[in-house]
Amino acid sequence: MERKAYRGISYGEAKKVVLEQKYERSELRAFTNGAAARSLFGQGIYLINDLGLAAQYAFCHAEVEGDETAVVLHQKICFNHPFILNYQFSEARLRKDALRWKYAGKHAPDPVHPPDSLELSRQIGSTIKDYLLAFSYDGIIYHVDDEIIYYVLYDQQKQIRDIDVEIAFNIKKPCKVERVDSLLL
């Protein structure tokens, strides 16, 4: 199954990603506006089907890195055996199944009163990834609603190709968006 997906990042990171055709940075990050990107499903590459939302992520990443230019990259992604999240099988159910799988008969971390919510988020994300990989899933296709789809890929070398620039924009003048064929390296 092949699809097109987007990822919003800073210009500095985009130059390296396009040149090397791979991502290095994980999703886990705190932004200057108080928002945080968490790897809810463990270490992997997080992408989205919506160009506008990817541009918002790009803005945040450029801002936190002190870069004036934000970039949305597009790429082709493929799954051999994706886990599907949607209204029939929710994120909460996946989390519960993964924790039940890992902590069968043992004491699981308490998600209601975590000592450190960021660390607990990391642990649960790692458990979800381990659970999915144990059952031969290579990632997640998460239908948030009828229009928005998130993708989580666990093996970017096998699952991502043809990374290139979709749009680039100055975060201080976000109304001026340019479609570009390539970044000035």
C-alpha atoms as a PDB file:
ATOM      1  CA  MET A   1       0.000   0.000   0.000  1.00  0.00           C
ATOM      2  CA  GLU A   2       1.607   3.278  -1.130  1.00  0.00           C
ATOM      3  CA  ARG A   3       0.538   6.799  -0.174  1.00  0.00           C
ATOM      4  CA  LYS A   4       1.782  10.387  -0.250  1.00  0.00           C
ATOM      5  CA  ALA A   5       2.390  12.031   3.125  1.00  0.00           C
ATOM      6  CA  TYR A   6       3.750  15.306   4.509  1.00  0.00           C
ATOM      7  CA  ARG A   7       6.060  16.337   7.330  1.00  0.00           C
ATOM      8  CA  GLY A   8       6.656  19.876   8.499  1.00  0.00           C
ATOM      9  CA  ILE A   9      10.173  20.782   9.633  1.00  0.00           C
ATOM     10  CA  SER A  10      12.640  23.669   9.729  1.00  0.00           C
ATOM     11  CA  TYR A  11      14.708  24.702   6.717  1.00  0.00           C
ATOM     12  CA  GLY A  12      17.942  23.635   8.399  1.00  0.00           C
ATOM     13  CA  GLU A  13      16.647  20.138   9.013  1.00  0.00           C
ATOM     14  CA  ALA A  14      14.982  19.943   5.571  1.00  0.00           C
ATOM     15  CA  LYS A  15      18.282  20.543   3.738  1.00  0.00           C
ATOM     16  CA  LYS A  16      19.842  17.542   5.438  1.00  0.00           C
ATOM     17  CA  VAL A  17      16.777  15.312   5.099  1.00  0.00           C
ATOM     18  CA  VAL A  18      16.381  15.953   1.361  1.00  0.00           C
ATOM     19  CA  LEU A  19      20.086  15.455   0.737  1.00  0.00           C
ATOM     20  CA  GLU A  20      20.357  12.233   2.766  1.00  0.00           C
ATOM     21  CA  GLN A  21      16.800  10.997   2.037  1.00  0.00           C
ATOM     22  CA  LYS A  22      16.173  10.115   5.683  1.00  0.00           C
ATOM     23  CA  TYR A  23      14.983  11.687   8.915  1.00  0.00           C
ATOM     24  CA  GLU A  24      17.114  11.780  12.044  1.00  0.00           C
ATOM     25  CA  ARG A  25      15.024  13.709  14.557  1.00  0.00           C
ATOM     26  CA  SER A  26      12.328  11.984  16.551  1.00  0.00           C
ATOM     27  CA  GLU A  27       8.930  13.513  17.117  1.00  0.00           C
ATOM     28  CA  LEU A  28       9.462  14.184  20.822  1.00  0.00           C
ATOM     29  CA  ARG A  29       9.916  17.933  21.218  1.00  0.00           C
ATOM     30  CA  ALA A  30       8.771  20.916  23.308  1.00  0.00           C
ATOM     31  CA  PHE A  31       7.831  24.094  21.424  1.00  0.00           C
ATOM     32  CA  THR A  32       8.218  27.699  22.578  1.00  0.00           C
ATOM     33  CA  ASN A  33       4.449  28.235  22.678  1.00  0.00           C
ATOM     34  CA  GLY A  34       4.081  25.554  25.374  1.00  0.00           C
ATOM     35  CA  ALA A  35       2.883  22.825  23.025  1.00  0.00           C
ATOM     36  CA  ALA A  36       4.695  19.514  22.898  1.00  0.00           C
ATOM     37  CA  ALA A  37       4.977  16.846  20.246  1.00  0.00           C
ATOM     38  CA  ARG A  38       5.020  13.443  21.853  1.00  0.00           C
ATOM     39  CA  SER A  39       5.760  10.117  20.288  1.00  0.00           C
ATOM     40  CA  LEU A  40       2.492   8.534  21.408  1.00  0.00           C
ATOM     41  CA  PHE A  41       3.195   5.360  19.476  1.00  0.00           C
ATOM     42  CA  GLY A  42       6.911   5.044  20.161  1.00  0.00           C
ATOM     43  CA  GLN A  43      10.001   5.991  18.219  1.00  0.00           C
ATOM     44  CA  GLY A  44       9.207   6.286  14.524  1.00  0.00           C
ATOM     45  CA  ILE A  45       8.574   8.721  11.717  1.00  0.00           C
ATOM     46  CA  TYR A  46       5.298  10.613  12.132  1.00  0.00           C
ATOM     47  CA  LEU A  47       3.682  11.991   8.978  1.00  0.00           C
ATOM     48  CA  ILE A  48       0.284  13.370   8.004  1.00  0.00           C
ATOM     49  CA  ASN A  49      -1.921  13.507   4.931  1.00  0.00           C
ATOM     50  CA  ASP A  50      -2.872  17.180   5.368  1.00  0.00           C
ATOM     51  CA  LEU A  51      -0.631  19.885   3.889  1.00  0.00           C
ATOM     52  CA  GLY A  52      -2.081  22.644   6.097  1.00  0.00           C
ATOM     53  CA  LEU A  53      -1.445  20.774   9.343  1.00  0.00           C
ATOM     54  CA  ALA A  54       2.040  19.854   8.162  1.00  0.00           C
ATOM     55  CA  ALA A  55       2.676  23.583   7.593  1.00  0.00           C
ATOM     56  CA  GLN A  56       1.637  24.287  11.188  1.00  0.00           C
ATOM     57  CA  TYR A  57       4.126  21.686  12.419  1.00  0.00           C
ATOM     58  CA  ALA A  58       6.777  23.240  10.150  1.00  0.00           C
ATOM     59  CA  PHE A  59       6.120  26.661  11.679  1.00  0.00           C
ATOM     60  CA  CYS A  60       6.540  25.280  15.222  1.00  0.00           C
ATOM     61  CA  HIS A  61       9.735  23.395  14.375  1.00  0.00           C
ATOM     62  CA  ALA A  62      11.284  26.415  12.642  1.00  0.00           C
ATOM     63  CA  GLU A  63      10.345  28.650  15.567  1.00  0.00           C
ATOM     64  CA  VAL A  64      11.854  26.377  18.226  1.00  0.00           C
ATOM     65  CA  GLU A  65      15.059  25.990  16.195  1.00  0.00           C
ATOM     66  CA  GLY A  66      15.360  29.728  15.551  1.00  0.00           C
ATOM     67  CA  ASP A  67      15.054  29.202  11.801  1.00  0.00           C
ATOM     68  CA  GLU A  68      13.181  31.825   9.763  1.00  0.00           C
ATOM     69  CA  THR A  69      12.125  29.353   7.094  1.00  0.00           C
ATOM     70  CA  ALA A  70       9.750  26.447   7.547  1.00  0.00           C
ATOM     71  CA  VAL A  71       9.450  23.615   5.043  1.00  0.00           C
ATOM     72  CA  VAL A  72       6.874  20.950   4.320  1.00  0.00           C
ATOM     73  CA  LEU A  73       8.308  17.859   2.722  1.00  0.00           C
ATOM     74  CA  HIS A  74       6.342  15.285   0.777  1.00  0.00           C
ATOM     75  CA  GLN A  75       7.317  11.685   0.354  1.00  0.00           C
ATOM     76  CA  LYS A  76       5.966   8.365  -0.787  1.00  0.00           C
ATOM     77  CA  ILE A  77       5.324   5.919   2.007  1.00  0.00           C
ATOM     78  CA  CYS A  78       4.395   2.277   1.968  1.00  0.00           C
ATOM     79  CA  PHE A  79       3.129  -0.248   4.469  1.00  0.00           C
ATOM     80  CA  ASN A  80       3.156  -4.025   4.226  1.00  0.00           C
ATOM     81  CA  HIS A  81       1.097  -4.607   7.365  1.00  0.00           C
ATOM     82  CA  PRO A  82      -0.205  -1.414   8.993  1.00  0.00           C
ATOM     83  CA  PHE A  83      -2.208  -1.276  12.201  1.00  0.00           C
ATOM     84  CA  ILE A  84      -5.381   0.744  11.539  1.00  0.00           C
ATOM     85  CA  LEU A  85      -6.696   3.121  14.178  1.00  0.00           C
ATOM     86  CA  ASN A  86     -10.115   4.700  13.635  1.00  0.00           C
ATOM     87  CA  TYR A  87     -13.512   5.049  15.254  1.00  0.00           C
ATOM     88  CA  GLN A  88     -13.832   1.237  15.450  1.00  0.00           C
ATOM     89  CA  PHE A  89     -10.454   0.662  17.103  1.00  0.00           C
ATOM     90  CA  SER A  90      -9.362   3.674  19.150  1.00  0.00           C
ATOM     91  CA  GLU A  91      -6.029   4.943  20.420  1.00  0.00           C
ATOM     92  CA  ALA A  92      -7.193   4.249  23.981  1.00  0.00           C
ATOM     93  CA  ARG A  93      -7.986   0.637  23.114  1.00  0.00           C
ATOM     94  CA  LEU A  94      -4.565   0.158  21.480  1.00  0.00           C
ATOM     95  CA  ARG A  95      -2.869   1.630  24.554  1.00  0.00           C
ATOM     96  CA  LYS A  96      -4.878  -0.645  26.867  1.00  0.00           C
ATOM     97  CA  ASP A  97      -4.144  -3.758  24.775  1.00  0.00           C
ATOM     98  CA  ALA A  98      -0.411  -2.943  24.603  1.00  0.00           C
ATOM     99  CA  LEU A  99      -0.163  -2.352  28.361  1.00  0.00           C
ATOM    100  CA  ARG A 100      -2.150  -5.513  29.086  1.00  0.00           C
ATOM    101  CA  TRP A 101       0.218  -7.428  26.761  1.00  0.00           C
ATOM    102  CA  LYS A 102       3.377  -6.084  28.418  1.00  0.00           C
ATOM    103  CA  TYR A 103       2.242  -6.102  32.040  1.00  0.00           C
ATOM    104  CA  ALA A 104       0.214  -9.314  32.102  1.00  0.00           C
ATOM    105  CA  GLY A 105       0.203 -10.249  35.776  1.00  0.00           C
ATOM    106  CA  LYS A 106       2.499  -7.355  36.748  1.00  0.00           C
ATOM    107  CA  HIS A 107       1.935  -3.810  38.003  1.00  0.00           C
ATOM    108  CA  ALA A 108       1.493  -1.353  35.091  1.00  0.00           C
ATOM    109  CA  PRO A 109       2.340   2.370  35.351  1.00  0.00           C
ATOM    110  CA  ASP A 110      -0.583   4.522  36.434  1.00  0.00           C
ATOM    111  CA  PRO A 111      -1.448   6.913  33.573  1.00  0.00           C
ATOM    112  CA  VAL A 112      -3.779   8.935  35.810  1.00  0.00           C
ATOM    113  CA  HIS A 113      -1.147   9.951  38.394  1.00  0.00           C
ATOM    114  CA  PRO A 114       2.196   9.786  36.611  1.00  0.00           C
ATOM    115  CA  PRO A 115       5.320  10.885  38.479  1.00  0.00           C
ATOM    116  CA  ASP A 116       6.612  12.408  35.220  1.00  0.00           C
ATOM    117  CA  SER A 117       4.070  12.587  32.415  1.00  0.00           C
ATOM    118  CA  LEU A 118       6.724  12.971  29.707  1.00  0.00           C
ATOM    119  CA  GLU A 119       8.591   9.889  30.885  1.00  0.00           C
ATOM    120  CA  LEU A 120       5.351   7.940  31.224  1.00  0.00           C
ATOM    121  CA  SER A 121       4.409   9.004  27.685  1.00  0.00           C
ATOM    122  CA  ARG A 122       7.757   7.669  26.444  1.00  0.00           C
ATOM    123  CA  GLN A 123       7.285   4.359  28.264  1.00  0.00           C
ATOM    124  CA  ILE A 124       3.767   3.844  26.950  1.00  0.00           C
ATOM    125  CA  GLY A 125       4.793   4.841  23.419  1.00  0.00           C
ATOM    126  CA  SER A 126       7.663   2.376  23.544  1.00  0.00           C
ATOM    127  CA  THR A 127       5.318  -0.342  24.813  1.00  0.00           C
ATOM    128  CA  ILE A 128       2.855   0.319  21.981  1.00  0.00           C
ATOM    129  CA  LYS A 129       5.640   0.104  19.403  1.00  0.00           C
ATOM    130  CA  ASP A 130       6.978  -3.137  20.931  1.00  0.00           C
ATOM    131  CA  TYR A 131       3.456  -4.585  20.967  1.00  0.00           C
ATOM    132  CA  LEU A 132       2.818  -3.736  17.311  1.00  0.00           C
ATOM    133  CA  LEU A 133       6.213  -5.015  16.167  1.00  0.00           C
ATOM    134  CA  ALA A 134       5.657  -8.251  18.103  1.00  0.00           C
ATOM    135  CA  PHE A 135       2.570  -8.819  15.944  1.00  0.00           C
ATOM    136  CA  SER A 136       4.427  -7.913  12.707  1.00  0.00           C
ATOM    137  CA  TYR A 137       2.865  -4.481  12.145  1.00  0.00           C
ATOM    138  CA  ASP A 138       5.209  -2.064  10.363  1.00  0.00           C
ATOM    139  CA  GLY A 139       3.428   1.087  11.451  1.00  0.00           C
ATOM    140  CA  ILE A 140       0.116   2.789  12.052  1.00  0.00           C
ATOM    141  CA  ILE A 141      -2.460   4.430   9.831  1.00  0.00           C
ATOM    142  CA  TYR A 142      -4.501   6.583  12.204  1.00  0.00           C
ATOM    143  CA  HIS A 143      -7.778   7.945  10.807  1.00  0.00           C
ATOM    144  CA  VAL A 144      -8.333  10.781  13.286  1.00  0.00           C
ATOM    145  CA  ASP A 145     -11.540  11.697  11.445  1.00  0.00           C
ATOM    146  CA  ASP A 146     -12.917  11.504   7.893  1.00  0.00           C
ATOM    147  CA  GLU A 147     -10.209  13.843   6.556  1.00  0.00           C
ATOM    148  CA  ILE A 148      -7.112  13.716   8.779  1.00  0.00           C
ATOM    149  CA  ILE A 149      -4.828  10.699   8.702  1.00  0.00           C
ATOM    150  CA  TYR A 150      -1.605  10.355  10.664  1.00  0.00           C
ATOM    151  CA  TYR A 151       1.001   7.812   9.663  1.00  0.00           C
ATOM    152  CA  VAL A 152       3.616   6.287  11.951  1.00  0.00           C
ATOM    153  CA  LEU A 153       6.372   4.324  10.232  1.00  0.00           C
ATOM    154  CA  TYR A 154       8.756   2.109  12.161  1.00  0.00           C
ATOM    155  CA  ASP A 155      11.299   1.333   9.412  1.00  0.00           C
ATOM    156  CA  GLN A 156      11.925   4.444   7.343  1.00  0.00           C
ATOM    157  CA  GLN A 157      14.570   2.831   5.132  1.00  0.00           C
ATOM    158  CA  LYS A 158      12.009   0.353   3.815  1.00  0.00           C
ATOM    159  CA  GLN A 159       8.944   2.584   4.045  1.00  0.00           C
ATOM    160  CA  ILE A 160       9.894   6.084   2.847  1.00  0.00           C
ATOM    161  CA  ARG A 161      11.206   7.208  -0.530  1.00  0.00           C
ATOM    162  CA  ASP A 162      11.383  10.272  -2.758  1.00  0.00           C
ATOM    163  CA  ILE A 163      11.537  12.876   0.024  1.00  0.00           C
ATOM    164  CA  ASP A 164      11.288  16.346  -1.515  1.00  0.00           C
ATOM    165  CA  VAL A 165      10.060  19.870  -0.841  1.00  0.00           C
ATOM    166  CA  GLU A 166       6.368  20.659  -1.184  1.00  0.00           C
ATOM    167  CA  ILE A 167       6.384  24.230   0.166  1.00  0.00           C
ATOM    168  CA  ALA A 168       8.698  26.599   2.012  1.00  0.00           C
ATOM    169  CA  PHE A 169       7.740  29.788   3.849  1.00  0.00           C
ATOM    170  CA  ASN A 170       9.187  32.476   6.079  1.00  0.00           C
ATOM    171  CA  ILE A 171       7.640  32.166   9.548  1.00  0.00           C
ATOM    172  CA  LYS A 172       7.801  35.930  10.012  1.00  0.00           C
ATOM    173  CA  LYS A 173       5.804  36.369   6.757  1.00  0.00           C
ATOM    174  CA  PRO A 174       3.734  33.167   6.636  1.00  0.00           C
ATOM    175  CA  CYS A 175       1.317  34.529   4.014  1.00  0.00           C
ATOM    176  CA  LYS A 176       4.049  34.259   1.377  1.00  0.00           C
ATOM    177  CA  VAL A 177       4.244  30.549   0.630  1.00  0.00           C
ATOM    178  CA  GLU A 178       6.347  29.227  -2.211  1.00  0.00           C
ATOM    179  CA  ARG A 179       6.204  25.909  -3.965  1.00  0.00           C
ATOM    180  CA  VAL A 180       9.797  25.050  -4.711  1.00  0.00           C
ATOM    181  CA  ASP A 181      11.430  22.329  -6.750  1.00  0.00           C
ATOM    182  CA  SER A 182      14.406  22.011  -4.432  1.00  0.00           C
ATOM    183  CA  LEU A 183      16.133  23.667  -1.513  1.00  0.00           C
ATOM    184  CA  LEU A 184      19.206  25.774  -1.993  1.00  0.00           C
ATOM    185  CA  LEU A 185      21.823  23.514  -0.455  1.00  0.00           C
END
